[in-house]
Every structure is written in C-alpha cells, then in structure tokens.
Amino acid sequence: MIAGFQTYCRTLTDLNVEEVERICTFAIPRSLQKGEHLLQQGQICRHKTFIIKGLLRSYGTAADGAEYILQFSPENNWILDPESYHLHTATNFNISAIERADVLQWNKEDFDRLLKEIPTLERYSQQLASRNNYNSRQRLFTTLSSTPEEKYEDFVRNNPALLSRLPLHMIAAYLGMSLKTLTRIRHAQLRR
C-alpha cells in the first residue's frame, strides 16, 4: 500500500524522498470491505485518509431515510469530514466503501506534527483544501442553477471513469434527483 502513496507523492507533490518516507512512517494501512464504514454519523473524524485502491463515498441521511451523497473519492484522493476533524465534533455524515478499498490513514496528532515539520506538506495540504473548496462551490452552484439534464451532463463530463463503477441510485443521490428522473434522462440521451 505504501508504494502507491509514494508514487502519488512523487508525481503530484513537491515532497522529497526523505519527506515522503517520514510521512509514511505514520501511515496506518487499512482495508475496507464493500459497504463498510470508515466513519459513521455521530462519531468524531480522527483520521485523514488516502485511498490507494477502491471507491468511497461521503453522504448524509435525511430524516425520511433518503441518502444524499456529497462526494465520491476514488484512488489517489483524500477523504475526511473536515469540520469534525478540525473541530473535534461529532459528524453528521458517513463515509463508506462502495467497492473493496485499501487506504492509508494518519491520526490527527501525527498529521498535525508532520504539517509543522514538513513545510512542503503544509503547502500541499493548503492547496488541496483550496481545490476542494473551489470544487464544492462549483458543485453547489451547478446543483442550484442547473436542470436535471445539465447536472447529469456535468457529472458525465467531469467523472467519466466513475460511470461504470457506480450504481444509478448513487449517481441520482449525488445529483439530488430521483432514480426515476435519472433513468428518464439517460433514456432520452440514448435516443438522440
């Protein structure tokens, strides 16, 4: 598992070999089965998690039991509940494996120490947070301003590799529409 993270660091960060090795010494490998939770509503998020293999989702459940997916996280992505992690509060969300997954985790105390010791990691972490903030704002704007057809087209354009890995009901939950609406849109596109 560590080798996958080292490759990620070499190709996507400015971290040097010694810094990557230092970060890896605190990594905790973990495997998740399909459907297994990494974090459940009511718990405190105590780890930053990097996905080596598999696909995870972050989601909330409404009072009526409906699930609303906030984020899909495939390989070479990080996932956590930032508010719970930084504020040490119980989360309102869940993170679970859509597929069997191999991940690396760092507990908050260790990761905070690494951020202080390795300025390059601190900068990269800030860049990731900024990019996630931008992507979240773009997603929110699309959700509020687009038709169901436009939402689906945006999803297909920005996530082509996920289409074959996700059941339709999860795509619908991510897009904030019913499965019936999503099915209608897909059939209409196939007829064109």
Protein backbone atom coordinates (compact mmCIF):
# COMPACT_ATOMS: atom_id res chain seq x y z
CA MET A 1 0.00 0.00 0.00
CA ILE A 2 2.79 2.39 0.89
CA ALA A 3 4.24 2.09 -2.64
CA GLY A 4 1.03 3.50 -4.15
CA PHE A 5 1.19 6.51 -1.85
CA GLN A 6 4.88 7.04 -2.62
CA THR A 7 4.10 7.06 -6.35
CA TYR A 8 1.33 9.60 -5.77
CA CYS A 9 3.72 11.84 -3.82
CA ARG A 10 6.45 11.60 -6.47
CA THR A 11 4.11 12.50 -9.31
CA LEU A 12 1.74 15.04 -7.73
CA THR A 13 3.67 16.80 -4.97
CA ASP A 14 7.00 18.56 -4.43
CA LEU A 15 7.83 16.38 -1.43
CA ASN A 16 11.33 14.91 -1.48
CA VAL A 17 12.12 11.25 -0.81
CA GLU A 18 13.03 11.83 2.87
CA GLU A 19 9.82 13.79 3.49
CA VAL A 20 7.70 11.07 1.88
CA GLU A 21 9.44 8.43 3.98
CA ARG A 22 8.77 10.47 7.14
CA ILE A 23 5.08 10.80 6.25
CA CYS A 24 4.86 7.06 5.53
CA THR A 25 6.22 6.14 8.96
CA PHE A 26 2.95 7.41 10.49
CA ALA A 27 0.62 5.82 7.92
CA ILE A 28 -1.82 3.20 9.17
CA PRO A 29 -2.87 0.72 6.44
CA ARG A 30 -6.50 -0.38 6.48
CA SER A 31 -8.70 -2.43 4.18
CA LEU A 32 -12.44 -1.90 3.87
CA GLN A 33 -15.00 -4.33 2.51
CA LYS A 34 -17.74 -3.15 0.18
CA GLY A 35 -20.32 -1.30 2.29
CA GLU A 36 -18.04 -1.00 5.33
CA HIS A 37 -18.00 2.36 7.09
CA LEU A 38 -14.85 4.38 7.59
CA LEU A 39 -16.82 6.98 9.57
CA GLN A 40 -20.41 6.99 10.83
CA GLN A 41 -22.75 9.78 11.83
CA GLY A 42 -22.18 10.68 15.49
CA GLN A 43 -18.50 9.72 15.51
CA ILE A 44 -15.60 12.16 15.54
CA CYS A 45 -13.37 12.09 12.47
CA ARG A 46 -9.90 11.40 13.86
CA HIS A 47 -8.01 10.50 10.66
CA LYS A 48 -7.05 11.86 7.28
CA THR A 49 -7.47 9.04 4.79
CA PHE A 50 -5.75 8.48 1.45
CA ILE A 51 -7.34 5.98 -0.94
CA ILE A 52 -4.87 3.59 -2.53
CA LYS A 53 -7.45 1.33 -4.19
CA GLY A 54 -11.24 1.37 -4.34
CA LEU A 55 -14.02 3.92 -4.22
CA LEU A 56 -15.53 5.64 -1.18
CA ARG A 57 -18.46 7.99 -0.71
CA SER A 58 -19.31 10.66 1.82
CA TYR A 59 -23.04 11.01 2.43
CA GLY A 60 -25.74 12.20 4.76
CA THR A 61 -29.10 10.69 5.56
CA ALA A 62 -32.22 12.86 5.73
CA ALA A 63 -34.97 12.44 8.33
CA ASP A 64 -37.01 10.39 5.83
CA GLY A 65 -34.08 7.98 5.35
CA ALA A 66 -33.07 9.27 1.92
CA GLU A 67 -29.33 9.37 1.28
CA TYR A 68 -27.64 12.40 -0.25
CA ILE A 69 -24.12 11.83 -1.49
CA LEU A 70 -21.72 14.72 -1.04
CA GLN A 71 -18.62 13.25 -2.61
CA PHE A 72 -17.17 10.24 -4.40
CA SER A 73 -13.49 9.55 -3.73
CA PRO A 74 -11.65 7.08 -5.96
CA GLU A 75 -7.98 6.09 -5.90
CA ASN A 76 -5.36 8.78 -5.29
CA ASN A 77 -7.73 11.01 -3.37
CA TRP A 78 -8.05 12.07 0.24
CA ILE A 79 -11.25 11.85 2.27
CA LEU A 80 -12.35 13.03 5.71
CA ASP A 81 -15.07 15.10 7.36
CA PRO A 82 -13.19 18.41 7.69
CA GLU A 83 -15.46 20.04 10.28
CA SER A 84 -15.45 17.01 12.55
CA TYR A 85 -11.70 16.52 12.08
CA HIS A 86 -10.69 20.12 12.81
CA LEU A 87 -13.29 20.96 15.47
CA HIS A 88 -13.34 17.55 17.23
CA THR A 89 -17.14 17.41 16.93
CA ALA A 90 -19.48 14.57 16.05
CA THR A 91 -20.06 14.28 12.34
CA ASN A 92 -23.45 14.47 10.65
CA PHE A 93 -22.16 12.39 7.76
CA ASN A 94 -20.95 8.91 6.87
CA ILE A 95 -18.04 7.67 4.81
CA SER A 96 -18.27 4.16 3.40
CA ALA A 97 -16.71 1.94 0.76
CA ILE A 98 -18.62 1.49 -2.48
CA GLU A 99 -16.03 -1.09 -3.52
CA ARG A 100 -13.46 -3.02 -1.55
CA ALA A 101 -10.83 -0.44 -0.66
CA ASP A 102 -7.27 -0.18 0.62
CA VAL A 103 -6.49 3.07 2.40
CA LEU A 104 -3.79 4.73 4.46
CA GLN A 105 -4.77 6.77 7.49
CA TRP A 106 -2.98 9.31 9.66
CA ASN A 107 -4.35 10.27 13.06
CA LYS A 108 -4.79 13.99 13.62
CA GLU A 109 -1.98 14.39 16.17
CA ASP A 110 0.58 12.72 13.90
CA PHE A 111 -0.57 14.58 10.80
CA ASP A 112 -0.51 17.94 12.61
CA ARG A 113 3.07 17.19 13.70
CA LEU A 114 4.01 16.32 10.11
CA LEU A 115 2.50 19.59 8.88
CA LYS A 116 4.71 21.52 11.31
CA GLU A 117 7.83 19.52 10.45
CA ILE A 118 7.39 19.49 6.67
CA PRO A 119 6.53 22.90 5.15
CA THR A 120 6.08 21.33 1.70
CA LEU A 121 3.35 19.09 3.12
CA GLU A 122 1.71 22.11 4.75
CA ARG A 123 1.65 23.97 1.41
CA TYR A 124 0.33 20.93 -0.45
CA SER A 125 -2.34 20.39 2.20
CA GLN A 126 -3.46 24.01 1.82
CA GLN A 127 -3.58 23.63 -1.97
CA LEU A 128 -5.77 20.52 -1.61
CA ALA A 129 -8.10 22.31 0.81
CA SER A 130 -8.36 25.26 -1.56
CA ARG A 131 -9.07 22.99 -4.54
CA ASN A 132 -11.71 21.07 -2.56
CA ASN A 133 -13.35 24.35 -1.53
CA TYR A 134 -13.42 25.50 -5.16
CA ASN A 135 -14.86 22.17 -6.36
CA SER A 136 -17.51 22.21 -3.62
CA ARG A 137 -18.59 25.73 -4.57
CA GLN A 138 -18.77 24.77 -8.25
CA ARG A 139 -20.82 21.68 -7.40
CA LEU A 140 -23.17 23.72 -5.21
CA PHE A 141 -23.66 26.29 -7.97
CA THR A 142 -24.37 23.55 -10.53
CA THR A 143 -26.81 21.89 -8.13
CA LEU A 144 -28.70 25.15 -7.52
CA SER A 145 -28.67 26.56 -11.04
CA SER A 146 -28.88 23.63 -13.46
CA THR A 147 -31.65 21.47 -14.82
CA PRO A 148 -31.54 17.74 -14.06
CA GLU A 149 -30.26 17.14 -17.61
CA GLU A 150 -27.46 19.68 -17.14
CA LYS A 151 -26.50 18.16 -13.79
CA TYR A 152 -26.18 14.73 -15.35
CA GLU A 153 -24.21 16.06 -18.34
CA ASP A 154 -21.85 17.85 -15.93
CA PHE A 155 -21.38 14.63 -13.94
CA VAL A 156 -20.63 12.60 -17.09
CA ARG A 157 -18.18 15.24 -18.35
CA ASN A 158 -16.31 15.55 -15.03
CA ASN A 159 -16.45 11.92 -13.84
CA PRO A 160 -16.37 9.61 -16.89
CA ALA A 161 -14.30 6.95 -15.09
CA LEU A 162 -16.88 6.64 -12.31
CA LEU A 163 -19.90 5.92 -14.52
CA SER A 164 -19.21 2.19 -14.82
CA ARG A 165 -18.28 1.87 -11.14
CA LEU A 166 -21.42 3.42 -9.62
CA PRO A 167 -24.96 2.11 -9.35
CA LEU A 168 -27.53 4.51 -10.81
CA HIS A 169 -29.21 5.13 -7.46
CA MET A 170 -25.93 6.54 -6.09
CA ILE A 171 -25.48 8.83 -9.09
CA ALA A 172 -29.06 10.03 -8.55
CA ALA A 173 -28.36 10.61 -4.83
CA TYR A 174 -25.25 12.61 -5.76
CA LEU A 175 -27.14 14.71 -8.28
CA GLY A 176 -30.08 15.33 -5.93
CA MET A 177 -32.70 13.72 -8.14
CA SER A 178 -34.87 10.64 -8.08
CA LEU A 179 -33.77 7.42 -9.74
CA LYS A 180 -36.83 7.74 -12.00
CA THR A 181 -35.68 11.18 -13.22
CA LEU A 182 -32.13 9.96 -13.84
CA THR A 183 -33.41 6.93 -15.77
CA ARG A 184 -35.61 9.19 -17.92
CA ILE A 185 -32.65 11.48 -18.70
CA ARG A 186 -30.40 8.56 -19.62
CA HIS A 187 -33.05 7.03 -21.92
CA ALA A 188 -33.60 10.38 -23.62
CA GLN A 189 -29.85 10.71 -24.25
CA LEU A 190 -29.65 7.21 -25.71
CA ARG A 191 -32.46 8.04 -28.16
CA ARG A 192 -30.57 11.07 -29.52
